[in-house]
PDB file of N, CA and C in Angstrom:
ATOM      1  N   UNK A   1      14.304-146.039 -11.548  1.00  0.00           N
ATOM      2  CA  UNK A   1      13.372-145.327 -11.893  1.00  0.00           C
ATOM      3  C   UNK A   1      13.427-143.898 -11.831  1.00  0.00           C
ATOM      4  N   UNK A   2      12.961-143.353 -12.747  1.00  0.00           N
ATOM      5  CA  UNK A   2      13.142-141.783 -13.007  1.00  0.00           C
ATOM      6  C   UNK A   2      11.843-141.222 -13.291  1.00  0.00           C
ATOM      7  N   UNK A   3      11.436-140.040 -12.641  1.00  0.00           N
ATOM      8  CA  UNK A   3      10.066-139.361 -12.926  1.00  0.00           C
ATOM      9  C   UNK A   3      10.270-138.019 -13.045  1.00  0.00           C
ATOM     10  N   UNK A   4       9.955-137.350 -14.120  1.00  0.00           N
ATOM     11  CA  UNK A   4       9.952-135.899 -14.259  1.00  0.00           C
ATOM     12  C   UNK A   4       8.392-135.603 -13.967  1.00  0.00           C
ATOM     13  N   UNK A   5       8.255-134.612 -13.154  1.00  0.00           N
ATOM     14  CA  UNK A   5       6.944-134.192 -12.789  1.00  0.00           C
ATOM     15  C   UNK A   5       6.894-132.589 -13.012  1.00  0.00           C
ATOM     16  N   UNK A   6       5.766-132.210 -13.433  1.00  0.00           N
ATOM     17  CA  UNK A   6       5.386-130.806 -13.832  1.00  0.00           C
ATOM     18  C   UNK A   6       4.027-130.315 -13.523  1.00  0.00           C
ATOM     19  N   UNK A   7       3.775-129.369 -12.641  1.00  0.00           N
ATOM     20  CA  UNK A   7       2.496-128.979 -12.300  1.00  0.00           C
ATOM     21  C   UNK A   7       2.284-127.634 -12.770  1.00  0.00           C
ATOM     22  N   UNK A   8       1.306-127.252 -13.404  1.00  0.00           N
ATOM     23  CA  UNK A   8       1.076-126.018 -14.200  1.00  0.00           C
ATOM     24  C   UNK A   8      -0.497-125.470 -13.913  1.00  0.00           C
ATOM     25  N   UNK A   9      -0.659-124.275 -13.912  1.00  0.00           N
ATOM     26  CA  UNK A   9      -2.053-123.560 -13.878  1.00  0.00           C
ATOM     27  C   UNK A   9      -2.118-123.392 -12.417  1.00  0.00           C
ATOM     28  N   UNK A  10      -3.529-123.386 -11.961  1.00  0.00           N
ATOM     29  CA  UNK A  10      -3.710-122.973 -10.588  1.00  0.00           C
ATOM     30  C   UNK A  10      -4.169-121.369 -10.661  1.00  0.00           C
ATOM     31  N   UNK A  11      -4.552-120.931  -9.540  1.00  0.00           N
ATOM     32  CA  UNK A  11      -4.967-119.540  -9.491  1.00  0.00           C
ATOM     33  C   UNK A  11      -3.872-118.659  -9.751  1.00  0.00           C
ATOM     34  N   UNK A  12      -2.614-118.889  -9.187  1.00  0.00           N
ATOM     35  CA  UNK A  12      -1.463-117.805  -9.328  1.00  0.00           C
ATOM     36  C   UNK A  12      -0.613-118.363 -10.635  1.00  0.00           C
ATOM     37  N   UNK A  13      -0.902-119.446 -11.251  1.00  0.00           N
ATOM     38  CA  UNK A  13      -0.248-119.797 -12.478  1.00  0.00           C
ATOM     39  C   UNK A  13       1.033-120.219 -12.279  1.00  0.00           C
ATOM     40  N   UNK A  14       1.523-120.539 -11.119  1.00  0.00           N
ATOM     41  CA  UNK A  14       3.001-120.933 -10.850  1.00  0.00           C
ATOM     42  C   UNK A  14       3.234-122.295 -11.307  1.00  0.00           C
ATOM     43  N   UNK A  15       4.262-122.359 -12.103  1.00  0.00           N
ATOM     44  CA  UNK A  15       4.871-123.956 -12.335  1.00  0.00           C
ATOM     45  C   UNK A  15       5.736-124.295 -11.374  1.00  0.00           C
ATOM     46  N   UNK A  16       5.555-125.680 -11.143  1.00  0.00           N
ATOM     47  CA  UNK A  16       6.359-126.380 -10.195  1.00  0.00           C
ATOM     48  C   UNK A  16       6.847-127.434 -10.894  1.00  0.00           C
ATOM     49  N   UNK A  17       8.124-127.821 -10.940  1.00  0.00           N
ATOM     50  CA  UNK A  17       8.731-128.997 -11.733  1.00  0.00           C
ATOM     51  C   UNK A  17       9.844-129.554 -10.991  1.00  0.00           C
ATOM     52  N   UNK A  18       9.956-131.011 -10.905  1.00  0.00           N
ATOM     53  CA  UNK A  18      11.020-131.575 -10.399  1.00  0.00           C
ATOM     54  C   UNK A  18      11.233-132.915 -11.189  1.00  0.00           C
ATOM     55  N   UNK A  19      12.549-133.459 -10.918  1.00  0.00           N
ATOM     56  CA  UNK A  19      12.828-134.904 -11.497  1.00  0.00           C
ATOM     57  C   UNK A  19      13.416-135.619 -10.296  1.00  0.00           C
ATOM     58  N   UNK A  20      13.003-136.902 -10.046  1.00  0.00           N
ATOM     59  CA  UNK A  20      13.338-137.600  -8.952  1.00  0.00           C
ATOM     60  C   UNK A  20      13.681-138.920  -9.553  1.00  0.00           C
ATOM     61  N   UNK A  21      14.936-139.368  -8.905  1.00  0.00           N
ATOM     62  CA  UNK A  21      15.473-140.784  -9.391  1.00  0.00           C
ATOM     63  C   UNK A  21      15.588-141.631  -8.333  1.00  0.00           C
ATOM     64  N   UNK A  22      15.094-142.865  -8.322  1.00  0.00           N
ATOM     65  CA  UNK A  22      15.228-143.663  -7.145  1.00  0.00           C
ATOM     66  C   UNK A  22      16.741-144.036  -6.881  1.00  0.00           C
ATOM     67  N   UNK A  23      17.490-143.823  -7.563  1.00  0.00           N
ATOM     68  CA  UNK A  23      19.080-144.131  -7.466  1.00  0.00           C
ATOM     69  C   UNK A  23      19.638-143.059  -6.427  1.00  0.00           C
ATOM     70  N   UNK A  24      18.925-141.767  -6.431  1.00  0.00           N
ATOM     71  CA  UNK A  24      19.526-140.934  -5.687  1.00  0.00           C
ATOM     72  C   UNK A  24      18.741-140.480  -4.334  1.00  0.00           C
ATOM     73  N   UNK A  25      17.646-141.237  -4.251  1.00  0.00           N
ATOM     74  CA  UNK A  25      16.643-140.872  -3.125  1.00  0.00           C
ATOM     75  C   UNK A  25      17.051-141.713  -1.953  1.00  0.00           C
ATOM     76  N   UNK A  26      16.721-141.204  -0.723  1.00  0.00           N
ATOM     77  CA  UNK A  26      17.007-142.078   0.367  1.00  0.00           C
ATOM     78  C   UNK A  26      16.357-143.459   0.306  1.00  0.00           C
ATOM     79  N   UNK A  27      16.779-144.493   1.046  1.00  0.00           N
ATOM     80  CA  UNK A  27      16.277-145.844   0.803  1.00  0.00           C
ATOM     81  C   UNK A  27      14.848-145.982   1.019  1.00  0.00           C
ATOM     82  N   UNK A  28      14.180-145.429   1.940  1.00  0.00           N
ATOM     83  CA  UNK A  28      12.841-145.326   2.228  1.00  0.00           C
ATOM     84  C   UNK A  28      12.042-144.838   1.020  1.00  0.00           C
ATOM     85  N   UNK A  29      12.207-143.750   0.659  1.00  0.00           N
ATOM     86  CA  UNK A  29      11.703-143.110  -0.591  1.00  0.00           C
ATOM     87  C   UNK A  29      11.975-143.782  -1.762  1.00  0.00           C
ATOM     88  N   UNK A  30      13.011-144.472  -1.987  1.00  0.00           N
ATOM     89  CA  UNK A  30      13.358-145.017  -3.181  1.00  0.00           C
ATOM     90  C   UNK A  30      12.430-146.428  -3.299  1.00  0.00           C
ATOM     91  N   UNK A  31      12.313-146.933  -1.977  1.00  0.00           N
ATOM     92  CA  UNK A  31      11.421-148.153  -1.991  1.00  0.00           C
ATOM     93  C   UNK A  31       9.888-147.888  -2.270  1.00  0.00           C
ATOM     94  N   UNK A  32       9.472-146.532  -1.760  1.00  0.00           N
ATOM     95  CA  UNK A  32       7.902-146.088  -1.782  1.00  0.00           C
ATOM     96  C   UNK A  32       7.446-145.809  -3.254  1.00  0.00           C
ATOM     97  N   UNK A  33       8.467-144.925  -3.838  1.00  0.00           N
ATOM     98  CA  UNK A  33       8.029-144.515  -5.171  1.00  0.00           C
ATOM     99  C   UNK A  33       7.465-145.371  -6.211  1.00  0.00           C
ATOM    100  N   UNK A  34       8.310-146.466  -6.383  1.00  0.00           N
ATOM    101  CA  UNK A  34       7.923-147.492  -7.534  1.00  0.00           C
ATOM    102  C   UNK A  34       6.581-148.203  -6.799  1.00  0.00           C
ATOM    103  N   UNK A  35       6.333-148.223  -5.732  1.00  0.00           N
ATOM    104  CA  UNK A  35       5.023-148.963  -5.328  1.00  0.00           C
ATOM    105  C   UNK A  35       3.905-147.877  -5.519  1.00  0.00           C
ATOM    106  N   UNK A  36       4.056-146.455  -5.498  1.00  0.00           N
ATOM    107  CA  UNK A  36       3.165-145.627  -5.867  1.00  0.00           C
ATOM    108  C   UNK A  36       2.745-145.554  -7.460  1.00  0.00           C
ATOM    109  N   UNK A  37       3.985-145.832  -8.067  1.00  0.00           N
ATOM    110  CA  UNK A  37       3.733-145.912  -9.665  1.00  0.00           C
ATOM    111  C   UNK A  37       2.873-147.214  -9.956  1.00  0.00           C
ATOM    112  N   UNK A  38       3.318-148.219  -9.304  1.00  0.00           N
ATOM    113  CA  UNK A  38       2.421-149.665  -9.594  1.00  0.00           C
ATOM    114  C   UNK A  38       1.070-149.342  -9.196  1.00  0.00           C
ATOM    115  N   UNK A  39       0.807-148.720  -7.850  1.00  0.00           N
ATOM    116  CA  UNK A  39      -0.479-148.786  -7.523  1.00  0.00           C
ATOM    117  C   UNK A  39      -1.419-147.898  -8.361  1.00  0.00           C
ATOM    118  N   UNK A  40      -0.742-146.735  -9.057  1.00  0.00           N
ATOM    119  CA  UNK A  40      -1.515-145.893 -10.002  1.00  0.00           C
ATOM    120  C   UNK A  40      -1.671-146.398 -11.329  1.00  0.00           C
ATOM    121  N   UNK A  41      -1.179-147.609 -11.613  1.00  0.00           N
ATOM    122  CA  UNK A  41      -1.100-148.256 -12.922  1.00  0.00           C
ATOM    123  C   UNK A  41      -0.596-147.215 -13.954  1.00  0.00           C
ATOM    124  N   UNK A  42       0.389-146.540 -13.757  1.00  0.00           N
ATOM    125  CA  UNK A  42       0.784-145.388 -14.602  1.00  0.00           C
ATOM    126  C   UNK A  42       1.082-145.874 -16.038  1.00  0.00           C
ATOM    127  N   UNK A  43       1.745-146.907 -16.133  1.00  0.00           N
ATOM    128  CA  UNK A  43       1.928-147.467 -17.453  1.00  0.00           C
ATOM    129  C   UNK A  43       0.805-147.772 -18.434  1.00  0.00           C
ATOM    130  N   UNK A  44      -0.435-148.175 -17.531  1.00  0.00           N
ATOM    131  CA  UNK A  44      -1.743-148.399 -18.129  1.00  0.00           C
ATOM    132  C   UNK A  44      -2.609-147.401 -18.390  1.00  0.00           C
ATOM    133  N   UNK A  45      -2.280-146.015 -18.077  1.00  0.00           N
ATOM    134  CA  UNK A  45      -3.006-144.746 -18.174  1.00  0.00           C
ATOM    135  C   UNK A  45      -2.736-144.391 -19.592  1.00  0.00           C
ATOM    136  N   UNK A  46      -3.911-143.643 -20.086  1.00  0.00           N
ATOM    137  CA  UNK A  46      -3.781-142.962 -21.443  1.00  0.00           C
ATOM    138  C   UNK A  46      -2.644-141.778 -21.265  1.00  0.00           C
ATOM    139  N   UNK A  47      -2.205-141.426 -22.587  1.00  0.00           N
ATOM    140  CA  UNK A  47      -1.224-140.171 -22.515  1.00  0.00           C
ATOM    141  C   UNK A  47      -1.899-138.869 -22.104  1.00  0.00           C
ATOM    142  N   UNK A  48      -3.389-138.907 -22.267  1.00  0.00           N
ATOM    143  CA  UNK A  48      -3.849-137.594 -21.956  1.00  0.00           C
ATOM    144  C   UNK A  48      -5.294-137.995 -21.102  1.00  0.00           C
ATOM    145  N   UNK A  49      -5.577-137.436 -19.930  1.00  0.00           N
ATOM    146  CA  UNK A  49      -6.757-137.599 -19.123  1.00  0.00           C
ATOM    147  C   UNK A  49      -7.255-136.092 -18.925  1.00  0.00           C
ATOM    148  N   UNK A  50      -8.391-135.821 -19.554  1.00  0.00           N
ATOM    149  CA  UNK A  50      -9.017-134.694 -19.532  1.00  0.00           C
ATOM    150  C   UNK A  50     -10.362-134.744 -18.874  1.00  0.00           C
ATOM    151  N   UNK A  51     -10.961-133.556 -18.366  1.00  0.00           N
ATOM    152  CA  UNK A  51     -12.274-133.643 -17.582  1.00  0.00           C
ATOM    153  C   UNK A  51     -13.206-133.089 -18.753  1.00  0.00           C
ATOM    154  N   UNK A  52     -14.503-133.764 -18.741  1.00  0.00           N
ATOM    155  CA  UNK A  52     -15.442-133.350 -19.829  1.00  0.00           C
ATOM    156  C   UNK A  52     -15.839-132.028 -19.374  1.00  0.00           C
ATOM    157  N   UNK A  53     -15.878-131.335 -18.071  1.00  0.00           N
ATOM    158  CA  UNK A  53     -15.977-130.178 -17.646  1.00  0.00           C
ATOM    159  C   UNK A  53     -14.928-129.395 -17.140  1.00  0.00           C
ATOM    160  N   UNK A  54     -14.006-128.792 -18.274  1.00  0.00           N
ATOM    161  CA  UNK A  54     -12.960-128.081 -17.789  1.00  0.00           C
ATOM    162  C   UNK A  54     -13.243-126.774 -16.696  1.00  0.00           C
ATOM    163  N   UNK A  55     -12.590-126.712 -15.941  1.00  0.00           N
ATOM    164  CA  UNK A  55     -12.658-125.519 -14.893  1.00  0.00           C
ATOM    165  C   UNK A  55     -11.333-124.782 -14.957  1.00  0.00           C
ATOM    166  N   UNK A  56     -11.423-123.437 -14.852  1.00  0.00           N
ATOM    167  CA  UNK A  56     -10.386-122.578 -14.830  1.00  0.00           C
ATOM    168  C   UNK A  56      -9.667-122.655 -13.471  1.00  0.00           C
ATOM    169  N   UNK A  57      -8.415-122.185 -13.418  1.00  0.00           N
ATOM    170  CA  UNK A  57      -7.659-122.225 -12.265  1.00  0.00           C
ATOM    171  C   UNK A  57      -7.482-123.656 -11.538  1.00  0.00           C
ATOM    172  N   UNK A  58      -7.517-124.685 -12.219  1.00  0.00           N
ATOM    173  CA  UNK A  58      -7.350-125.876 -11.849  1.00  0.00           C
ATOM    174  C   UNK A  58      -5.933-126.192 -12.274  1.00  0.00           C
ATOM    175  N   UNK A  59      -5.222-127.270 -11.635  1.00  0.00           N
ATOM    176  CA  UNK A  59      -3.892-127.830 -11.930  1.00  0.00           C
ATOM    177  C   UNK A  59      -3.818-128.459 -13.020  1.00  0.00           C
ATOM    178  N   UNK A  60      -2.895-128.749 -13.866  1.00  0.00           N
ATOM    179  CA  UNK A  60      -2.553-129.654 -14.922  1.00  0.00           C
ATOM    180  C   UNK A  60      -1.182-130.394 -14.437  1.00  0.00           C
ATOM    181  N   UNK A  61      -1.212-131.739 -14.535  1.00  0.00           N
ATOM    182  CA  UNK A  61       0.108-132.363 -14.150  1.00  0.00           C
ATOM    183  C   UNK A  61       0.579-133.190 -15.384  1.00  0.00           C
ATOM    184  N   UNK A  62       1.816-133.198 -15.549  1.00  0.00           N
ATOM    185  CA  UNK A  62       2.600-133.941 -16.426  1.00  0.00           C
ATOM    186  C   UNK A  62       3.558-134.863 -15.916  1.00  0.00           C
ATOM    187  N   UNK A  63       3.563-136.284 -15.944  1.00  0.00           N
ATOM    188  CA  UNK A  63       4.322-137.138 -15.503  1.00  0.00           C
ATOM    189  C   UNK A  63       5.095-137.761 -16.533  1.00  0.00           C
ATOM    190  N   UNK A  64       6.469-137.906 -16.509  1.00  0.00           N
ATOM    191  CA  UNK A  64       7.150-138.897 -17.536  1.00  0.00           C
ATOM    192  C   UNK A  64       7.891-139.809 -16.726  1.00  0.00           C
ATOM    193  N   UNK A  65       7.481-141.073 -16.719  1.00  0.00           N
ATOM    194  CA  UNK A  65       8.262-142.184 -16.041  1.00  0.00           C
ATOM    195  C   UNK A  65       9.166-143.072 -16.768  1.00  0.00           C
ATOM    196  N   UNK A  66      10.286-143.277 -16.320  1.00  0.00           N
ATOM    197  CA  UNK A  66      11.229-144.082 -17.291  1.00  0.00           C
ATOM    198  C   UNK A  66      11.669-145.061 -16.227  1.00  0.00           C
ATOM    199  N   UNK A  67      11.484-146.428 -16.643  1.00  0.00           N
ATOM    200  CA  UNK A  67      11.685-147.436 -15.640  1.00  0.00           C
ATOM    201  C   UNK A  67      12.473-148.594 -16.549  1.00  0.00           C
ATOM    202  N   UNK A  68      13.707-148.718 -16.455  1.00  0.00           N
ATOM    203  CA  UNK A  68      14.382-149.850 -17.216  1.00  0.00           C
ATOM    204  C   UNK A  68      14.275-149.417 -18.847  1.00  0.00           C
ATOM    205  N   UNK A  69      13.633-150.071 -19.575  1.00  0.00           N
ATOM    206  CA  UNK A  69      13.550-149.810 -21.008  1.00  0.00           C
ATOM    207  C   UNK A  69      12.084-149.134 -21.343  1.00  0.00           C
ATOM    208  N   UNK A  70      11.386-148.952 -20.305  1.00  0.00           N
ATOM    209  CA  UNK A  70      10.035-148.413 -20.561  1.00  0.00           C
ATOM    210  C   UNK A  70       9.959-146.901 -20.123  1.00  0.00           C
ATOM    211  N   UNK A  71       9.063-146.286 -21.049  1.00  0.00           N
ATOM    212  CA  UNK A  71       8.662-144.739 -20.682  1.00  0.00           C
ATOM    213  C   UNK A  71       7.387-144.374 -21.052  1.00  0.00           C
ATOM    214  N   UNK A  72       6.844-143.592 -20.237  1.00  0.00           N
ATOM    215  CA  UNK A  72       5.539-143.467 -20.496  1.00  0.00           C
ATOM    216  C   UNK A  72       5.208-141.982 -19.917  1.00  0.00           C
ATOM    217  N   UNK A  73       4.529-141.008 -20.713  1.00  0.00           N
ATOM    218  CA  UNK A  73       4.184-139.708 -20.167  1.00  0.00           C
ATOM    219  C   UNK A  73       2.633-139.712 -20.113  1.00  0.00           C
ATOM    220  N   UNK A  74       2.132-139.270 -19.026  1.00  0.00           N
ATOM    221  CA  UNK A  74       0.637-138.760 -18.732  1.00  0.00           C
ATOM    222  C   UNK A  74       0.522-137.447 -18.342  1.00  0.00           C
ATOM    223  N   UNK A  75      -0.441-136.721 -19.140  1.00  0.00           N
ATOM    224  CA  UNK A  75      -0.861-135.388 -18.859  1.00  0.00           C
ATOM    225  C   UNK A  75      -2.287-135.573 -18.215  1.00  0.00           C
ATOM    226  N   UNK A  76      -2.511-134.949 -16.962  1.00  0.00           N
ATOM    227  CA  UNK A  76      -3.941-135.079 -16.676  1.00  0.00           C
ATOM    228  C   UNK A  76      -4.340-133.749 -15.740  1.00  0.00           C
ATOM    229  N   UNK A  77      -5.655-133.447 -16.024  1.00  0.00           N
ATOM    230  CA  UNK A  77      -6.005-132.264 -15.371  1.00  0.00           C
ATOM    231  C   UNK A  77      -6.424-132.647 -13.891  1.00  0.00           C
ATOM    232  N   UNK A  78      -6.378-131.736 -13.146  1.00  0.00           N
ATOM    233  CA  UNK A  78      -6.731-131.956 -11.666  1.00  0.00           C
ATOM    234  C   UNK A  78      -8.245-132.369 -11.676  1.00  0.00           C
ATOM    235  N   UNK A  79      -9.166-131.893 -12.401  1.00  0.00           N
ATOM    236  CA  UNK A  79     -10.596-132.327 -12.220  1.00  0.00           C
ATOM    237  C   UNK A  79     -10.620-133.580 -12.862  1.00  0.00           C
ATOM    238  N   UNK A  80      -9.727-134.287 -13.494  1.00  0.00           N
ATOM    239  CA  UNK A  80     -10.030-135.717 -14.040  1.00  0.00           C
ATOM    240  C   UNK A  80      -9.141-136.562 -13.394  1.00  0.00           C
ATOM    241  N   UNK A  81      -8.401-136.210 -12.330  1.00  0.00           N
ATOM    242  CA  UNK A  81      -7.428-136.966 -11.679  1.00  0.00           C
ATOM    243  C   UNK A  81      -7.958-138.273 -11.062  1.00  0.00           C
ATOM    244  N   UNK A  82      -7.571-139.381 -11.843  1.00  0.00           N
ATOM    245  CA  UNK A  82      -8.077-140.713 -11.107  1.00  0.00           C
ATOM    246  C   UNK A  82      -7.518-141.067  -9.763  1.00  0.00           C
ATOM    247  N   UNK A  83      -8.520-141.577  -8.873  1.00  0.00           N
ATOM    248  CA  UNK A  83      -8.281-141.688  -7.355  1.00  0.00           C
ATOM    249  C   UNK A  83      -6.906-142.555  -7.125  1.00  0.00           C
ATOM    250  N   UNK A  84      -6.562-143.498  -8.082  1.00  0.00           N
ATOM    251  CA  UNK A  84      -5.537-144.129  -8.083  1.00  0.00           C
ATOM    252  C   UNK A  84      -4.129-143.576  -8.162  1.00  0.00           C
ATOM    253  N   UNK A  85      -4.278-142.474  -8.986  1.00  0.00           N
ATOM    254  CA  UNK A  85      -3.148-141.591  -9.315  1.00  0.00           C
ATOM    255  C   UNK A  85      -2.715-140.486  -8.286  1.00  0.00           C
ATOM    256  N   UNK A  86      -3.977-140.098  -7.406  1.00  0.00           N
ATOM    257  CA  UNK A  86      -3.784-138.991  -6.381  1.00  0.00           C
ATOM    258  C   UNK A  86      -2.548-139.300  -5.420  1.00  0.00           C
ATOM    259  N   UNK A  87      -2.141-140.469  -4.864  1.00  0.00           N
ATOM    260  CA  UNK A  87      -1.273-140.491  -3.983  1.00  0.00           C
ATOM    261  C   UNK A  87       0.157-140.240  -4.588  1.00  0.00           C
ATOM    262  N   UNK A  88       0.326-140.643  -5.812  1.00  0.00           N
ATOM    263  CA  UNK A  88       1.630-140.393  -6.493  1.00  0.00           C
ATOM    264  C   UNK A  88       1.707-139.066  -6.857  1.00  0.00           C
ATOM    265  N   UNK A  89       0.784-138.281  -7.307  1.00  0.00           N
ATOM    266  CA  UNK A  89       0.818-136.858  -7.422  1.00  0.00           C
ATOM    267  C   UNK A  89       1.165-136.141  -6.295  1.00  0.00           C
ATOM    268  N   UNK A  90       0.352-136.502  -5.133  1.00  0.00           N
ATOM    269  CA  UNK A  90       0.857-135.696  -3.825  1.00  0.00           C
ATOM    270  C   UNK A  90       2.201-135.983  -3.433  1.00  0.00           C
ATOM    271  N   UNK A  91       2.741-137.351  -3.584  1.00  0.00           N
ATOM    272  CA  UNK A  91       4.223-137.449  -3.216  1.00  0.00           C
ATOM    273  C   UNK A  91       5.040-136.665  -4.101  1.00  0.00           C
ATOM    274  N   UNK A  92       4.872-136.648  -5.508  1.00  0.00           N
ATOM    275  CA  UNK A  92       5.545-135.875  -6.215  1.00  0.00           C
ATOM    276  C   UNK A  92       5.444-134.434  -6.032  1.00  0.00           C
ATOM    277  N   UNK A  93       4.371-133.793  -5.835  1.00  0.00           N
ATOM    278  CA  UNK A  93       4.248-132.519  -5.475  1.00  0.00           C
ATOM    279  C   UNK A  93       4.734-131.962  -4.354  1.00  0.00           C
ATOM    280  N   UNK A  94       4.880-132.951  -3.289  1.00  0.00           N
ATOM    281  CA  UNK A  94       5.602-132.584  -2.084  1.00  0.00           C
ATOM    282  C   UNK A  94       7.110-132.636  -2.227  1.00  0.00           C
ATOM    283  N   UNK A  95       7.609-133.506  -3.090  1.00  0.00           N
ATOM    284  CA  UNK A  95       9.040-133.722  -3.486  1.00  0.00           C
ATOM    285  C   UNK A  95       9.451-132.264  -4.272  1.00  0.00           C
ATOM    286  N   UNK A  96       8.616-131.918  -5.157  1.00  0.00           N
ATOM    287  CA  UNK A  96       8.729-130.624  -5.860  1.00  0.00           C
ATOM    288  C   UNK A  96       8.780-129.461  -4.936  1.00  0.00           C
ATOM    289  N   UNK A  97       8.020-129.345  -3.835  1.00  0.00           N
ATOM    290  CA  UNK A  97       8.160-128.240  -2.785  1.00  0.00           C
ATOM    291  C   UNK A  97       9.515-128.312  -2.202  1.00  0.00           C
ATOM    292  N   UNK A  98      10.112-129.480  -1.817  1.00  0.00           N
ATOM    293  CA  UNK A  98      11.188-129.532  -1.005  1.00  0.00           C
ATOM    294  C   UNK A  98      12.557-129.279  -1.836  1.00  0.00           C
ATOM    295  N   UNK A  99      12.326-129.201  -3.195  1.00  0.00           N
ATOM    296  CA  UNK A  99      13.608-128.970  -4.079  1.00  0.00           C
ATOM    297  C   UNK A  99      13.885-127.525  -4.378  1.00  0.00           C
TER     298      UNK A  99
END
């Protein structure tokens, strides 16, 4: 499984981007990441998730997940972030900080 993650926006407007691949992650993380994707039902989410009340200085996240022959991209605003997706976003955000 490979995920490309990009966070844009925020007060400072700094973009954070990373790509993680379970083939190159430590075993514990390689096991954890697919579970987070499954818990988020990422392949069942729409391509665009927006807030009915847009707010300035909020983050926007773009995730592209490739798993075997499946690929799905989701763009979601921080204000509309589904609770099921939050743990995956936090994991990817932390991974982006470390790279």
